[in-house]
C-alpha atoms as a PDB file:
ATOM      1  CA  MET A   1       0.000   0.000   0.000  1.00  0.00           C
ATOM      2  CA  SER A   2       1.327   3.447  -0.827  1.00  0.00           C
ATOM      3  CA  ASP A   3       1.900   5.819   2.067  1.00  0.00           C
ATOM      4  CA  PRO A   4      -1.333   7.703   2.707  1.00  0.00           C
ATOM      5  CA  MET A   5      -1.373  11.467   3.082  1.00  0.00           C
ATOM      6  CA  VAL A   6      -2.438  12.438   6.571  1.00  0.00           C
ATOM      7  CA  SER A   7      -3.852  15.777   7.673  1.00  0.00           C
ATOM      8  CA  ALA A   8      -4.409  16.410  11.378  1.00  0.00           C
ATOM      9  CA  GLN A   9      -6.813  19.251  12.144  1.00  0.00           C
ATOM     10  CA  THR A  10      -9.344  20.236  14.744  1.00  0.00           C
ATOM     11  CA  ALA A  11     -13.025  20.456  13.908  1.00  0.00           C
ATOM     12  CA  GLY A  12     -14.143  23.804  12.538  1.00  0.00           C
ATOM     13  CA  ASP A  13     -17.069  25.855  13.719  1.00  0.00           C
ATOM     14  CA  PRO A  14     -20.185  24.235  12.223  1.00  0.00           C
ATOM     15  CA  GLU A  15     -23.029  26.242  10.776  1.00  0.00           C
ATOM     16  CA  THR A  16     -25.751  23.648  11.209  1.00  0.00           C
ATOM     17  CA  PRO A  17     -26.326  21.337  14.184  1.00  0.00           C
ATOM     18  CA  ALA A  18     -25.976  17.612  13.786  1.00  0.00           C
ATOM     19  CA  PRO A  19     -29.231  15.677  13.886  1.00  0.00           C
ATOM     20  CA  THR A  20     -29.895  13.875  17.142  1.00  0.00           C
ATOM     21  CA  SER A  21     -31.232  10.379  17.248  1.00  0.00           C
ATOM     22  CA  THR A  22     -34.996   9.975  17.367  1.00  0.00           C
ATOM     23  CA  ARG A  23     -34.406   6.672  19.151  1.00  0.00           C
ATOM     24  CA  ALA A  24     -32.856   8.000  22.378  1.00  0.00           C
ATOM     25  CA  GLY A  25     -33.670   5.526  25.142  1.00  0.00           C
ATOM     26  CA  ALA A  26     -34.522   2.727  22.712  1.00  0.00           C
ATOM     27  CA  ASP A  27     -33.097  -0.770  23.179  1.00  0.00           C
ATOM     28  CA  VAL A  28     -29.931  -2.103  21.616  1.00  0.00           C
ATOM     29  CA  VAL A  29     -31.010  -5.157  19.605  1.00  0.00           C
ATOM     30  CA  VAL A  30     -28.603  -7.996  18.801  1.00  0.00           C
ATOM     31  CA  GLY A  31     -29.452 -10.792  16.383  1.00  0.00           C
ATOM     32  CA  VAL A  32     -28.541 -14.211  17.789  1.00  0.00           C
ATOM     33  CA  PRO A  33     -28.058 -16.884  15.077  1.00  0.00           C
ATOM     34  CA  LEU A  34     -28.851 -20.515  15.805  1.00  0.00           C
ATOM     35  CA  GLY A  35     -25.566 -22.293  16.524  1.00  0.00           C
ATOM     36  CA  GLY A  36     -23.512 -19.274  15.460  1.00  0.00           C
ATOM     37  CA  ARG A  37     -20.733 -17.424  17.201  1.00  0.00           C
ATOM     38  CA  ALA A  38     -22.636 -14.503  18.642  1.00  0.00           C
ATOM     39  CA  GLY A  39     -20.512 -14.116  21.771  1.00  0.00           C
ATOM     40  CA  ALA A  40     -18.445 -11.174  20.528  1.00  0.00           C
ATOM     41  CA  ALA A  41     -21.537  -9.382  19.193  1.00  0.00           C
ATOM     42  CA  VAL A  42     -23.456  -9.860  22.457  1.00  0.00           C
ATOM     43  CA  HIS A  43     -20.418  -8.737  24.490  1.00  0.00           C
ATOM     44  CA  TRP A  44     -20.148  -5.523  22.451  1.00  0.00           C
ATOM     45  CA  ALA A  45     -23.903  -4.919  22.405  1.00  0.00           C
ATOM     46  CA  ALA A  46     -24.158  -5.387  26.183  1.00  0.00           C
ATOM     47  CA  ALA A  47     -21.404  -2.833  26.787  1.00  0.00           C
ATOM     48  CA  GLU A  48     -23.096  -0.452  24.341  1.00  0.00           C
ATOM     49  CA  ALA A  49     -26.497  -0.830  26.031  1.00  0.00           C
ATOM     50  CA  ARG A  50     -24.904  -0.303  29.445  1.00  0.00           C
ATOM     51  CA  ASP A  51     -23.142   2.875  28.259  1.00  0.00           C
ATOM     52  CA  ARG A  52     -26.363   4.225  26.694  1.00  0.00           C
ATOM     53  CA  GLY A  53     -28.402   3.375  29.776  1.00  0.00           C
ATOM     54  CA  VAL A  54     -30.899   1.238  27.836  1.00  0.00           C
ATOM     55  CA  ALA A  55     -31.979  -2.396  27.745  1.00  0.00           C
ATOM     56  CA  LEU A  56     -30.418  -5.152  25.652  1.00  0.00           C
ATOM     57  CA  ARG A  57     -32.732  -7.225  23.485  1.00  0.00           C
ATOM     58  CA  LEU A  58     -31.552 -10.667  22.342  1.00  0.00           C
ATOM     59  CA  VAL A  59     -33.521 -11.584  19.227  1.00  0.00           C
ATOM     60  CA  GLN A  60     -33.611 -14.804  17.266  1.00  0.00           C
ATOM     61  CA  GLY A  61     -35.627 -15.495  14.144  1.00  0.00           C
ATOM     62  CA  LEU A  62     -36.136 -19.213  13.638  1.00  0.00           C
ATOM     63  CA  VAL A  63     -37.151 -20.873  10.378  1.00  0.00           C
ATOM     64  CA  VAL A  64     -38.519 -24.371  10.970  1.00  0.00           C
ATOM     65  CA  PRO A  65     -38.209 -26.641   7.917  1.00  0.00           C
ATOM     66  CA  ARG A  66     -41.488 -28.137   6.732  1.00  0.00           C
ATOM     67  CA  GLY A  67     -42.163 -31.231   4.667  1.00  0.00           C
ATOM     68  CA  GLY A  68     -41.859 -35.001   4.964  1.00  0.00           C
ATOM     69  CA  TYR A  69     -43.621 -36.508   7.978  1.00  0.00           C
ATOM     70  CA  PRO A  70     -45.513 -33.780   9.856  1.00  0.00           C
ATOM     71  CA  GLY A  71     -43.169 -32.413  12.488  1.00  0.00           C
ATOM     72  CA  ARG A  72     -40.866 -35.442  12.482  1.00  0.00           C
ATOM     73  CA  SER A  73     -37.576 -36.448  10.936  1.00  0.00           C
ATOM     74  CA  PHE A  74     -36.629 -39.896   9.688  1.00  0.00           C
ATOM     75  CA  VAL A  75     -35.400 -40.850  13.187  1.00  0.00           C
ATOM     76  CA  GLY A  76     -38.703 -39.929  14.811  1.00  0.00           C
ATOM     77  CA  VAL A  77     -37.475 -36.736  16.495  1.00  0.00           C
ATOM     78  CA  ASP A  78     -39.729 -33.693  16.503  1.00  0.00           C
ATOM     79  CA  ALA A  79     -37.638 -31.229  14.475  1.00  0.00           C
ATOM     80  CA  GLU A  80     -39.626 -28.186  15.514  1.00  0.00           C
ATOM     81  CA  GLN A  81     -39.330 -28.953  19.211  1.00  0.00           C
ATOM     82  CA  GLY A  82     -35.612 -29.696  18.869  1.00  0.00           C
ATOM     83  CA  LEU A  83     -34.898 -26.426  17.056  1.00  0.00           C
ATOM     84  CA  PHE A  84     -36.783 -24.387  19.631  1.00  0.00           C
ATOM     85  CA  LEU A  85     -34.880 -26.098  22.450  1.00  0.00           C
ATOM     86  CA  LEU A  86     -31.573 -25.269  20.745  1.00  0.00           C
ATOM     87  CA  ALA A  87     -32.679 -21.682  20.166  1.00  0.00           C
ATOM     88  CA  ARG A  88     -33.688 -21.170  23.788  1.00  0.00           C
ATOM     89  CA  GLN A  89     -30.404 -22.676  24.951  1.00  0.00           C
ATOM     90  CA  GLU A  90     -28.500 -20.279  22.668  1.00  0.00           C
ATOM     91  CA  LEU A  91     -30.415 -17.317  24.079  1.00  0.00           C
ATOM     92  CA  ARG A  92     -29.693 -18.449  27.656  1.00  0.00           C
ATOM     93  CA  GLU A  93     -25.989 -18.715  26.892  1.00  0.00           C
ATOM     94  CA  MET A  94     -25.929 -15.265  25.316  1.00  0.00           C
ATOM     95  CA  ARG A  95     -27.756 -13.866  28.341  1.00  0.00           C
ATOM     96  CA  LEU A  96     -24.904 -15.173  30.514  1.00  0.00           C
ATOM     97  CA  VAL A  97     -22.386 -13.482  28.213  1.00  0.00           C
ATOM     98  CA  ALA A  98     -24.240 -10.182  28.592  1.00  0.00           C
ATOM     99  CA  ARG A  99     -24.503 -10.609  32.370  1.00  0.00           C
ATOM    100  CA  ARG A 100     -20.732 -10.966  32.653  1.00  0.00           C
ATOM    101  CA  VAL A 101     -20.355  -7.601  30.904  1.00  0.00           C
ATOM    102  CA  ALA A 102     -23.119  -5.744  32.732  1.00  0.00           C
ATOM    103  CA  PRO A 103     -24.623  -7.633  35.694  1.00  0.00           C
ATOM    104  CA  ASP A 104     -27.477  -5.153  36.225  1.00  0.00           C
ATOM    105  CA  LEU A 105     -28.366  -4.676  32.562  1.00  0.00           C
ATOM    106  CA  PRO A 106     -32.075  -5.188  31.696  1.00  0.00           C
ATOM    107  CA  ILE A 107     -32.216  -8.013  29.150  1.00  0.00           C
ATOM    108  CA  VAL A 108     -35.158  -9.098  27.006  1.00  0.00           C
ATOM    109  CA  GLU A 109     -35.242 -12.318  24.956  1.00  0.00           C
ATOM    110  CA  ASP A 110     -37.344 -12.618  21.803  1.00  0.00           C
ATOM    111  CA  LEU A 111     -37.669 -15.916  19.935  1.00  0.00           C
ATOM    112  CA  VAL A 112     -39.846 -15.615  16.826  1.00  0.00           C
ATOM    113  CA  GLU A 113     -40.650 -18.266  14.241  1.00  0.00           C
ATOM    114  CA  SER A 114     -39.969 -16.218  11.133  1.00  0.00           C
ATOM    115  CA  ASP A 115     -37.213 -15.232   8.730  1.00  0.00           C
ATOM    116  CA  PRO A 116     -34.369 -13.560  10.719  1.00  0.00           C
ATOM    117  CA  VAL A 117     -34.196 -10.561   8.366  1.00  0.00           C
ATOM    118  CA  ALA A 118     -37.922  -9.915   8.706  1.00  0.00           C
ATOM    119  CA  VAL A 119     -37.708 -10.253  12.490  1.00  0.00           C
ATOM    120  CA  LEU A 120     -34.813  -7.784  12.761  1.00  0.00           C
ATOM    121  CA  ARG A 121     -36.511  -5.324  10.414  1.00  0.00           C
ATOM    122  CA  ALA A 122     -39.516  -5.317  12.722  1.00  0.00           C
ATOM    123  CA  GLN A 123     -37.276  -4.873  15.768  1.00  0.00           C
ATOM    124  CA  ALA A 124     -35.503  -1.931  14.108  1.00  0.00           C
ATOM    125  CA  ARG A 125     -38.660   0.163  14.416  1.00  0.00           C
ATOM    126  CA  VAL A 126     -38.170   0.431  18.178  1.00  0.00           C
ATOM    127  CA  ALA A 127     -34.369   0.046  18.406  1.00  0.00           C
ATOM    128  CA  SER A 128     -31.469   2.486  18.632  1.00  0.00           C
ATOM    129  CA  LEU A 129     -28.994   0.016  17.092  1.00  0.00           C
ATOM    130  CA  LEU A 130     -29.088  -3.377  15.377  1.00  0.00           C
ATOM    131  CA  VAL A 131     -26.048  -5.553  16.147  1.00  0.00           C
ATOM    132  CA  LEU A 132     -25.034  -8.646  14.157  1.00  0.00           C
ATOM    133  CA  GLY A 133     -22.179 -11.085  14.652  1.00  0.00           C
ATOM    134  CA  SER A 134     -19.897 -12.585  12.020  1.00  0.00           C
ATOM    135  CA  ASP A 135     -20.212 -16.262  12.879  1.00  0.00           C
ATOM    136  CA  GLY A 136     -16.857 -17.395  11.488  1.00  0.00           C
ATOM    137  CA  PHE A 137     -18.216 -20.471   9.714  1.00  0.00           C
ATOM    138  CA  GLY A 138     -16.173 -19.837   6.582  1.00  0.00           C
ATOM    139  CA  ARG A 139     -17.675 -19.032   3.213  1.00  0.00           C
ATOM    140  CA  LEU A 140     -21.173 -20.249   4.114  1.00  0.00           C
ATOM    141  CA  GLY A 141     -21.211 -18.034   7.190  1.00  0.00           C
ATOM    142  CA  GLU A 142     -20.086 -15.046   5.133  1.00  0.00           C
ATOM    143  CA  LEU A 143     -22.873 -15.635   2.602  1.00  0.00           C
ATOM    144  CA  THR A 144     -25.447 -15.797   5.408  1.00  0.00           C
ATOM    145  CA  LEU A 145     -24.111 -12.640   7.029  1.00  0.00           C
ATOM    146  CA  GLY A 146     -24.056 -10.912   3.639  1.00  0.00           C
ATOM    147  CA  ARG A 147     -27.688 -11.799   2.972  1.00  0.00           C
ATOM    148  CA  THR A 148     -28.735 -10.502   6.385  1.00  0.00           C
ATOM    149  CA  THR A 149     -26.703  -7.319   6.013  1.00  0.00           C
ATOM    150  CA  ARG A 150     -28.128  -6.610   2.553  1.00  0.00           C
ATOM    151  CA  GLY A 151     -31.623  -7.054   3.955  1.00  0.00           C
ATOM    152  CA  LEU A 152     -30.999  -4.525   6.730  1.00  0.00           C
ATOM    153  CA  ALA A 153     -28.304  -1.962   5.833  1.00  0.00           C
ATOM    154  CA  GLY A 154     -29.990   1.014   4.220  1.00  0.00           C
ATOM    155  CA  GLU A 155     -33.386  -0.654   4.595  1.00  0.00           C
ATOM    156  CA  VAL A 156     -33.875   0.246   8.271  1.00  0.00           C
ATOM    157  CA  ALA A 157     -33.701   3.690   9.869  1.00  0.00           C
ATOM    158  CA  VAL A 158     -31.087   2.817  12.505  1.00  0.00           C
ATOM    159  CA  PRO A 159     -27.378   1.928  12.262  1.00  0.00           C
ATOM    160  CA  VAL A 160     -26.472  -1.719  11.735  1.00  0.00           C
ATOM    161  CA  VAL A 161     -23.299  -2.807  13.538  1.00  0.00           C
ATOM    162  CA  LEU A 162     -21.346  -5.877  12.390  1.00  0.00           C
ATOM    163  CA  VAL A 163     -19.104  -7.399  15.056  1.00  0.00           C
ATOM    164  CA  PRO A 164     -16.482  -9.830  13.680  1.00  0.00           C
ATOM    165  CA  HIS A 165     -16.160 -13.039  15.704  1.00  0.00           C
ATOM    166  CA  HIS A 166     -12.432 -12.300  16.102  1.00  0.00           C
ATOM    167  CA  CYS A 167     -13.183  -8.830  17.492  1.00  0.00           C
ATOM    168  CA  ASP A 168     -11.282  -8.076  20.702  1.00  0.00           C
ATOM    169  CA  ALA A 169     -13.983  -6.804  23.030  1.00  0.00           C
ATOM    170  CA  ARG A 170     -11.398  -5.462  25.505  1.00  0.00           C
ATOM    171  CA  ALA A 171      -9.540  -3.258  22.994  1.00  0.00           C
ATOM    172  CA  ARG A 172     -11.335  -0.131  24.229  1.00  0.00           C
ATOM    173  CA  GLU A 173     -10.252  -0.785  27.807  1.00  0.00           C
ATOM    174  CA  ARG A 174      -6.628  -1.460  26.800  1.00  0.00           C
ATOM    175  CA  ALA A 175      -6.554   1.811  24.859  1.00  0.00           C
ATOM    176  CA  GLU A 176      -7.425   3.588  28.142  1.00  0.00           C
ATOM    177  CA  GLY A 177     -10.382   5.314  26.538  1.00  0.00           C
ATOM    178  CA  HIS A 178      -8.396   6.814  23.647  1.00  0.00           C
ATOM    179  CA  ALA A 179      -9.253   4.375  20.832  1.00  0.00           C
ATOM    180  CA  PRO A 180     -10.320   6.514  17.843  1.00  0.00           C
ATOM    181  CA  VAL A 181     -13.461   6.306  15.745  1.00  0.00           C
ATOM    182  CA  VAL A 182     -12.722   5.753  12.021  1.00  0.00           C
ATOM    183  CA  VAL A 183     -15.184   6.778   9.301  1.00  0.00           C
ATOM    184  CA  GLY A 184     -15.117   6.329   5.532  1.00  0.00           C
ATOM    185  CA  ASP A 185     -15.870   9.371   3.384  1.00  0.00           C
ATOM    186  CA  ASP A 186     -16.214   9.164  -0.414  1.00  0.00           C
ATOM    187  CA  GLY A 187     -17.690  12.631  -0.751  1.00  0.00           C
ATOM    188  CA  SER A 188     -21.197  11.368  -1.507  1.00  0.00           C
ATOM    189  CA  GLU A 189     -24.500  12.284   0.101  1.00  0.00           C
ATOM    190  CA  GLY A 190     -24.696   8.827   1.648  1.00  0.00           C
ATOM    191  CA  CYS A 191     -21.724   9.534   3.912  1.00  0.00           C
ATOM    192  CA  ARG A 192     -23.230  12.508   5.716  1.00  0.00           C
ATOM    193  CA  GLY A 193     -25.093  10.414   8.262  1.00  0.00           C
ATOM    194  CA  ALA A 194     -21.993   8.297   8.851  1.00  0.00           C
ATOM    195  CA  LEU A 195     -19.793  11.368   9.383  1.00  0.00           C
ATOM    196  CA  ARG A 196     -22.168  12.883  11.915  1.00  0.00           C
ATOM    197  CA  PHE A 197     -22.720   9.596  13.714  1.00  0.00           C
ATOM    198  CA  ALA A 198     -18.958   9.027  13.944  1.00  0.00           C
ATOM    199  CA  ALA A 199     -18.283  12.600  15.061  1.00  0.00           C
ATOM    200  CA  LEU A 200     -20.931  12.436  17.784  1.00  0.00           C
ATOM    201  CA  ARG A 201     -19.557   9.135  19.027  1.00  0.00           C
ATOM    202  CA  ALA A 202     -15.971  10.398  19.078  1.00  0.00           C
ATOM    203  CA  ALA A 203     -17.014  13.610  20.836  1.00  0.00           C
ATOM    204  CA  SER A 204     -19.081  11.800  23.484  1.00  0.00           C
ATOM    205  CA  ARG A 205     -16.114   9.573  24.313  1.00  0.00           C
ATOM    206  CA  GLY A 206     -13.499  12.291  24.092  1.00  0.00           C
ATOM    207  CA  VAL A 207     -11.489  10.435  21.423  1.00  0.00           C
ATOM    208  CA  PRO A 208     -10.080  11.427  17.998  1.00  0.00           C
ATOM    209  CA  LEU A 209     -11.973  11.025  14.744  1.00  0.00           C
ATOM    210  CA  VAL A 210     -10.134   9.594  11.718  1.00  0.00           C
ATOM    211  CA  VAL A 211     -11.722  10.375   8.319  1.00  0.00           C
ATOM    212  CA  VAL A 212     -10.559   7.986   5.567  1.00  0.00           C
ATOM    213  CA  ARG A 213     -10.790   8.956   1.897  1.00  0.00           C
ATOM    214  CA  ALA A 214      -9.516   6.277  -0.437  1.00  0.00           C
ATOM    215  CA  GLY A 215      -9.595   5.324  -4.110  1.00  0.00           C
ATOM    216  CA  LYS A 216      -8.006   6.291  -7.392  1.00  0.00           C
ATOM    217  CA  ASP A 217      -9.801   9.672  -7.474  1.00  0.00           C
ATOM    218  CA  VAL A 218      -9.131  10.516  -3.834  1.00  0.00           C
ATOM    219  CA  ARG A 219      -7.090  13.621  -4.675  1.00  0.00           C
ATOM    220  CA  LEU A 220     -10.294  15.252  -5.903  1.00  0.00           C
ATOM    221  CA  LEU A 221     -11.722  15.108  -2.383  1.00  0.00           C
ATOM    222  CA  GLY A 222      -8.834  16.998  -0.796  1.00  0.00           C
ATOM    223  CA  GLU A 223      -7.820  17.179   2.859  1.00  0.00           C
ATOM    224  CA  ASP A 224     -10.431  19.572   4.207  1.00  0.00           C
ATOM    225  CA  VAL A 225     -12.191  18.527   7.397  1.00  0.00           C
ATOM    226  CA  PRO A 226     -15.805  17.583   6.532  1.00  0.00           C
ATOM    227  CA  GLU A 227     -18.889  19.209   8.016  1.00  0.00           C
ATOM    228  CA  LEU A 228     -19.486  17.452  11.337  1.00  0.00           C
ATOM    229  CA  GLY A 229     -22.408  19.392  12.738  1.00  0.00           C
ATOM    230  CA  SER A 230     -22.278  20.334  16.419  1.00  0.00           C
ATOM    231  CA  ALA A 231     -19.912  17.524  17.437  1.00  0.00           C
ATOM    232  CA  ARG A 232     -16.512  18.377  18.912  1.00  0.00           C
ATOM    233  CA  PRO A 233     -14.199  15.344  18.728  1.00  0.00           C
ATOM    234  CA  ALA A 234     -10.857  15.504  20.550  1.00  0.00           C
ATOM    235  CA  GLY A 235      -9.250  15.958  17.116  1.00  0.00           C
ATOM    236  CA  VAL A 236      -9.907  15.205  13.469  1.00  0.00           C
ATOM    237  CA  ARG A 237      -7.388  13.520  11.194  1.00  0.00           C
ATOM    238  CA  VAL A 238      -7.974  13.129   7.438  1.00  0.00           C
ATOM    239  CA  VAL A 239      -6.238  10.225   5.674  1.00  0.00           C
ATOM    240  CA  LEU A 240      -5.918  10.144   1.875  1.00  0.00           C
ATOM    241  CA  ALA A 241      -4.785   6.969   0.100  1.00  0.00           C
ATOM    242  CA  GLU A 242      -4.965   5.809  -3.523  1.00  0.00           C
ATOM    243  CA  GLU A 243      -5.818   2.259  -2.482  1.00  0.00           C
ATOM    244  CA  ARG A 244      -8.948   0.172  -2.038  1.00  0.00           C
ATOM    245  CA  ALA A 245     -11.139   1.633   0.665  1.00  0.00           C
ATOM    246  CA  ASP A 246     -11.602  -1.603   2.633  1.00  0.00           C
ATOM    247  CA  ARG A 247      -7.832  -2.106   2.944  1.00  0.00           C
ATOM    248  CA  VAL A 248      -7.171   1.459   4.046  1.00  0.00           C
ATOM    249  CA  LEU A 249     -10.060   1.422   6.515  1.00  0.00           C
ATOM    250  CA  ALA A 250      -8.939  -1.895   8.002  1.00  0.00           C
ATOM    251  CA  ASP A 251      -5.389  -0.593   8.360  1.00  0.00           C
ATOM    252  CA  GLN A 252      -6.529   2.605  10.075  1.00  0.00           C
ATOM    253  CA  ALA A 253      -8.938   0.666  12.288  1.00  0.00           C
ATOM    254  CA  ARG A 254      -6.361  -1.615  13.917  1.00  0.00           C
ATOM    255  CA  ASP A 255      -6.419   0.426  17.110  1.00  0.00           C
ATOM    256  CA  ALA A 256      -9.925   1.870  16.687  1.00  0.00           C
ATOM    257  CA  GLU A 257     -13.024   1.173  18.725  1.00  0.00           C
ATOM    258  CA  LEU A 258     -15.382   1.445  15.749  1.00  0.00           C
ATOM    259  CA  VAL A 259     -15.379   1.848  11.954  1.00  0.00           C
ATOM    260  CA  VAL A 260     -18.326   3.759  10.483  1.00  0.00           C
ATOM    261  CA  LEU A 261     -19.598   3.521   6.883  1.00  0.00           C
ATOM    262  CA  GLY A 262     -22.327   5.296   4.973  1.00  0.00           C
ATOM    263  CA  VAL A 263     -24.963   3.832   2.688  1.00  0.00           C
ATOM    264  CA  GLY A 264     -25.123   4.818  -0.983  1.00  0.00           C
ATOM    265  CA  GLU A 265     -27.523   4.231  -3.850  1.00  0.00           C
ATOM    266  CA  HIS A 266     -26.543   1.445  -6.266  1.00  0.00           C
ATOM    267  CA  GLY A 267     -29.293   1.122  -8.828  1.00  0.00           C
ATOM    268  CA  ARG A 268     -32.462   0.088  -7.036  1.00  0.00           C
ATOM    269  CA  HIS A 269     -30.627  -1.020  -3.905  1.00  0.00           C
ATOM    270  CA  ARG A 270     -28.717   0.626  -1.093  1.00  0.00           C
ATOM    271  CA  ARG A 271     -25.320  -0.773  -0.182  1.00  0.00           C
ATOM    272  CA  PRO A 272     -22.555   0.040   2.322  1.00  0.00           C
ATOM    273  CA  GLN A 273     -19.964   2.249   0.643  1.00  0.00           C
ATOM    274  CA  THR A 274     -17.073  -0.233   0.799  1.00  0.00           C
ATOM    275  CA  ARG A 275     -16.373  -3.899   0.035  1.00  0.00           C
ATOM    276  CA  PRO A 276     -17.425  -6.865   2.217  1.00  0.00           C
ATOM    277  CA  GLY A 277     -13.725  -7.645   2.736  1.00  0.00           C
ATOM    278  CA  LEU A 278     -13.591  -4.950   5.412  1.00  0.00           C
ATOM    279  CA  VAL A 279     -15.515  -7.131   7.879  1.00  0.00           C
ATOM    280  CA  ARG A 280     -13.040  -9.976   7.306  1.00  0.00           C
ATOM    281  CA  ARG A 281     -10.059  -7.669   7.889  1.00  0.00           C
ATOM    282  CA  ALA A 282     -11.415  -5.423  10.627  1.00  0.00           C
ATOM    283  CA  THR A 283     -10.507  -6.122  14.234  1.00  0.00           C
ATOM    284  CA  CYS A 284     -13.246  -3.858  15.591  1.00  0.00           C
ATOM    285  CA  PRO A 285     -16.989  -3.512  14.929  1.00  0.00           C
ATOM    286  CA  VAL A 286     -18.203  -1.928  11.671  1.00  0.00           C
ATOM    287  CA  ALA A 287     -21.266   0.355  11.814  1.00  0.00           C
ATOM    288  CA  ILE A 288     -23.332   0.991   8.667  1.00  0.00           C
ATOM    289  CA  VAL A 289     -25.276   4.221   9.094  1.00  0.00           C
ATOM    290  CA  PRO A 290     -28.211   5.331   6.914  1.00  0.00           C
ATOM    291  CA  PRO A 291     -28.143   8.948   5.642  1.00  0.00           C
ATOM    292  CA  GLY A 292     -30.808  10.220   8.029  1.00  0.00           C
ATOM    293  CA  ALA A 293     -29.358   8.767  11.229  1.00  0.00           C
ATOM    294  CA  GLY A 294     -27.560  11.252  13.460  1.00  0.00           C
ATOM    295  CA  GLY A 295     -26.900   8.721  16.181  1.00  0.00           C
ATOM    296  CA  ARG A 296     -26.526   9.864  19.763  1.00  0.00           C
ATOM    297  CA  SER A 297     -23.926   8.127  21.913  1.00  0.00           C
ATOM    298  CA  ARG A 298     -23.392   8.460  25.622  1.00  0.00           C
ATOM    299  CA  PRO A 299     -19.919   8.592  27.151  1.00  0.00           C
ATOM    300  CA  SER A 300     -18.462   5.233  28.096  1.00  0.00           C
ATOM    301  CA  ARG A 301     -18.535   4.542  31.804  1.00  0.00           C
END
């Protein structure tokens, strides 16, 4: 990778205030897959709910296969009953994970027999964040995560946070509260919500904001600090690099507490403004923020 150009500046005086979240006080919702590796996602979501002073909602959408003998497999076991038992066990285990992070955190469990994407879309109407885990089951797991992400990112009004299974949940503590927030900026309208969300988060935690601009036409964007609304991060650093955005973002995010992306228009669909490879490379959670979300974060305790 070529050496990126770095510009360190402080945030300028904004002319317009950043939008505040309309979901203040709403639950943090985490999707719990059946048999997946949701531990890292639940750990992060529990800490986030604790810091925001809201409840954590563990949600699982369960699709029961139909066909063959009614309700029974070839060995005479009730498939529906077995799947629900596994799902409830998974939710109990994830509740224990959350309890270890925040013993007094209010926790709600929702088990719904429906498509997981449809269930999470419904939950997004009353949530402040949707949190998903990367289950680490190889290519099949990535395809499942990709389908879920495509069904949610840009289609719901709240940020969607992807937590890689290899995410180090204690990185924020080891950084002594100074882990930066990294945000991708390609100069498009879809990045405005991401920039404001990232700036508000950095300001509320008293940490720096790193704005990454990458790609072959990056020089056209320049090094000016973007409009951040009313947020006042500890400092703003702009990184320019003529490389693929996911690689630059992953490199800058090695010591970060969160990477933030916007959502752009791609034909009839909305997609995160970087490649899926970022989730594989990132060592911290990746938040995908719709254009209208301001996102309000409370300081970490």
